[in-house]
């Protein structure tokens, strides 16, 4: 059972590393294309990772992987997020009161 968790963990690490590897060349292109804008832009890593999760099997299984990689690069290059300097807000920790104790869950 624990081997399944390790396999899932390593698959996620591999997918995140592959996503970072694919987004690295795009970052330079985005920085050059958005140099005249007021904020700095970078690829949206959450969106890139979600697209990579759906296509990682195809990347490993397909014989002609370049068209697939080009479409991934296109998606990564066109889903950008702005980086606003000095923007950080502390989160308020809220604890919701529970209606039921954990051993008495409501029935739908």
Foldseek 3Di string as FASTA:
>chain_A
DVVVVVVVVVVLVVLLVVLVVLQVVLQVVQCVVCVPPPFRKGFDSVVLSVVSVVCVVVCVPPPPNVVVSVVSSVVRNPHMDTDDPPDDDDDDDDDDDDPDDPVDDDDD
